[in-house]
């Protein structure tokens, strides 16, 4: 009986340690044989934003996303004040472009992503990840000049202990 109890306790501890229970946003460096896992815990809403300064227009761009139940990412909209290089002045199929008070809002009907790669440019312009009321300065938290695979996934306690939690402000 004691032996079965010990085996059961070991099984429970291993389950807690290795089964992925925690849903997180992850940033995993690409082109690296042993990449670090940087993560932000998802503990409330499903909406988040990436806010950056366009390197040519020098104006803010706000990309809004929503996490789906499948851990996929839905691109909701993109807001910007200047069109031209990199910023569309018209909507394509499955998109709606609105213009109000000097701001363009490009809305997406069904833009669903499994993941995407984000490059942390080596320029001193804003690149923030906003979740809830917290802002995470990706230029401070991650390495400039590197690319990261961004995805939403469930990770285990082992991966949490091994990874790097982004702090935000």
Protein backbone atom coordinates (compact mmCIF):
# COMPACT_ATOMS: atom_id res chain seq x y z
CA UNK A 1 0.00 0.00 0.00
CA UNK A 2 2.82 2.38 0.91
CA UNK A 3 4.54 1.66 -2.40
CA UNK A 4 1.39 2.53 -4.37
CA UNK A 5 1.00 5.76 -2.41
CA UNK A 6 4.61 6.77 -3.14
CA UNK A 7 4.14 6.02 -6.85
CA UNK A 8 0.89 8.00 -6.87
CA UNK A 9 2.54 11.00 -5.18
CA UNK A 10 5.45 10.91 -7.65
CA UNK A 11 2.98 10.72 -10.55
CA UNK A 12 1.01 13.72 -9.24
CA UNK A 13 4.17 15.79 -8.74
CA UNK A 14 5.41 14.94 -12.24
CA UNK A 15 1.99 15.79 -13.68
CA UNK A 16 1.97 19.19 -12.01
CA UNK A 17 5.54 19.83 -13.12
CA UNK A 18 5.34 18.72 -16.77
CA UNK A 19 1.71 19.06 -17.95
CA UNK A 20 1.12 22.43 -19.67
CA UNK A 21 -1.55 24.16 -17.55
CA UNK A 22 -0.58 27.84 -17.86
CA UNK A 23 -1.69 29.88 -20.87
CA UNK A 24 0.92 32.48 -21.86
CA UNK A 25 2.07 34.79 -24.63
CA UNK A 26 5.49 33.54 -25.73
CA UNK A 27 8.41 35.16 -27.52
CA UNK A 28 10.94 32.55 -28.68
CA UNK A 29 14.09 33.74 -30.41
CA UNK A 30 14.39 32.41 -33.95
CA UNK A 31 17.63 31.30 -35.60
CA UNK A 32 19.00 30.10 -32.28
CA UNK A 33 19.79 26.48 -31.43
CA UNK A 34 18.92 26.91 -27.72
CA UNK A 35 16.40 29.76 -27.58
CA UNK A 36 15.13 31.22 -24.33
CA UNK A 37 11.38 31.26 -23.82
CA UNK A 38 10.18 34.73 -22.81
CA UNK A 39 6.58 34.79 -21.64
CA UNK A 40 3.74 36.92 -20.28
CA UNK A 41 1.02 35.14 -18.29
CA UNK A 42 -2.51 35.40 -19.64
CA UNK A 43 -4.64 36.00 -16.58
CA UNK A 44 -7.59 38.09 -17.58
CA UNK A 45 -8.79 39.33 -20.91
CA UNK A 46 -8.12 37.95 -24.34
CA UNK A 47 -7.26 41.26 -26.05
CA UNK A 48 -3.78 42.70 -26.47
CA UNK A 49 -2.03 45.30 -28.59
CA UNK A 50 1.35 45.87 -30.18
CA UNK A 51 2.12 49.58 -30.31
CA UNK A 52 5.10 50.80 -32.28
CA UNK A 53 6.49 53.93 -33.92
CA UNK A 54 6.72 53.54 -37.69
CA UNK A 55 10.39 54.00 -38.57
CA UNK A 56 9.70 56.13 -41.66
CA UNK A 57 6.55 58.09 -40.76
CA UNK A 58 7.61 58.40 -37.10
CA UNK A 59 3.97 58.06 -36.04
CA UNK A 60 2.38 55.45 -33.80
CA UNK A 61 0.78 52.31 -35.18
CA UNK A 62 -1.55 50.27 -32.96
CA UNK A 63 -2.23 46.65 -33.89
CA UNK A 64 -5.09 45.06 -31.91
CA UNK A 65 -5.41 41.30 -31.45
CA UNK A 66 -7.64 38.78 -29.66
CA UNK A 67 -6.69 35.34 -28.33
CA UNK A 68 -9.16 32.65 -29.41
CA UNK A 69 -10.11 29.53 -27.42
CA UNK A 70 -7.87 27.49 -29.76
CA UNK A 71 -4.80 29.61 -28.80
CA UNK A 72 -4.90 31.12 -32.28
CA UNK A 73 -4.55 34.88 -32.67
CA UNK A 74 -7.15 37.02 -34.43
CA UNK A 75 -5.90 40.29 -35.90
CA UNK A 76 -8.73 42.72 -35.11
CA UNK A 77 -7.51 46.08 -36.42
CA UNK A 78 -4.60 48.36 -37.15
CA UNK A 79 -4.67 52.11 -36.48
CA UNK A 80 -2.29 54.64 -38.02
CA UNK A 81 -2.22 58.28 -39.11
CA UNK A 82 -0.13 58.17 -42.31
CA UNK A 83 -0.52 56.04 -45.42
CA UNK A 84 2.16 55.16 -47.96
CA UNK A 85 5.22 53.08 -47.15
CA UNK A 86 3.96 50.01 -45.28
CA UNK A 87 0.58 51.49 -44.35
CA UNK A 88 -2.31 50.74 -46.73
CA UNK A 89 -4.54 53.53 -48.01
CA UNK A 90 -7.29 51.14 -49.11
CA UNK A 91 -8.99 47.97 -47.88
CA UNK A 92 -8.60 44.60 -49.55
CA UNK A 93 -11.08 41.73 -49.51
CA UNK A 94 -12.01 40.83 -45.92
CA UNK A 95 -11.00 44.28 -44.64
CA UNK A 96 -12.71 47.59 -43.93
CA UNK A 97 -10.85 50.91 -43.86
CA UNK A 98 -12.31 53.78 -41.83
CA UNK A 99 -10.95 57.32 -41.52
CA UNK A 100 -11.98 59.49 -38.57
CA UNK A 101 -10.28 62.41 -36.80
CA UNK A 102 -7.04 61.93 -38.75
CA UNK A 103 -6.73 58.23 -37.89
CA UNK A 104 -7.07 55.33 -40.31
CA UNK A 105 -8.50 52.14 -38.84
CA UNK A 106 -8.08 49.00 -40.90
CA UNK A 107 -10.43 46.31 -39.57
CA UNK A 108 -10.06 42.64 -40.44
CA UNK A 109 -13.06 40.33 -40.87
CA UNK A 110 -11.33 37.01 -40.21
CA UNK A 111 -7.55 37.30 -40.06
CA UNK A 112 -6.60 34.28 -37.93
CA UNK A 113 -2.94 33.50 -37.20
CA UNK A 114 -1.30 30.53 -35.50
CA UNK A 115 1.77 32.64 -34.74
CA UNK A 116 3.88 35.40 -36.24
CA UNK A 117 7.47 36.60 -36.19
CA UNK A 118 8.30 39.98 -34.69
CA UNK A 119 11.64 41.68 -35.31
CA UNK A 120 13.07 43.83 -32.52
CA UNK A 121 14.67 46.58 -34.60
CA UNK A 122 17.95 48.15 -33.64
CA UNK A 123 16.47 51.65 -33.76
CA UNK A 124 15.35 53.73 -30.80
CA UNK A 125 11.64 53.90 -31.58
CA UNK A 126 8.78 52.60 -29.46
CA UNK A 127 7.82 48.91 -29.54
CA UNK A 128 5.39 48.05 -26.74
CA UNK A 129 3.24 45.04 -25.99
CA UNK A 130 0.09 46.09 -24.10
CA UNK A 131 -1.94 43.54 -22.17
CA UNK A 132 -4.64 44.79 -19.83
CA UNK A 133 -3.23 47.88 -18.14
CA UNK A 134 0.41 46.75 -18.40
CA UNK A 135 2.91 47.84 -21.02
CA UNK A 136 5.93 45.70 -21.86
CA UNK A 137 8.75 47.55 -23.63
CA UNK A 138 9.95 44.85 -26.01
CA UNK A 139 13.10 46.84 -26.82
CA UNK A 140 14.05 46.63 -23.13
CA UNK A 141 12.84 43.09 -22.43
CA UNK A 142 14.15 41.37 -25.59
CA UNK A 143 17.38 41.67 -27.61
CA UNK A 144 17.53 44.37 -30.30
CA UNK A 145 18.35 43.07 -33.76
CA UNK A 146 16.82 39.63 -33.07
CA UNK A 147 13.59 38.07 -34.33
CA UNK A 148 11.13 36.24 -32.11
CA UNK A 149 8.33 33.80 -32.85
CA UNK A 150 5.24 35.07 -31.05
CA UNK A 151 2.53 32.59 -30.14
CA UNK A 152 -0.08 31.84 -27.52
CA UNK A 153 0.34 28.46 -25.90
CA UNK A 154 0.04 26.49 -22.71
CA UNK A 155 3.29 25.80 -20.88
CA UNK A 156 4.23 23.62 -17.92
CA UNK A 157 5.65 24.61 -14.56
CA UNK A 158 9.00 23.27 -15.79
CA UNK A 159 8.93 25.66 -18.79
CA UNK A 160 7.90 28.54 -16.52
CA UNK A 161 10.87 27.92 -14.24
CA UNK A 162 13.19 27.56 -17.23
CA UNK A 163 11.82 30.62 -19.11
CA UNK A 164 12.16 34.36 -18.69
CA UNK A 165 9.08 36.23 -17.45
CA UNK A 166 8.61 39.69 -18.92
CA UNK A 167 7.91 42.23 -16.18
CA UNK A 168 6.24 45.21 -17.80
CA UNK A 169 5.26 48.36 -15.98
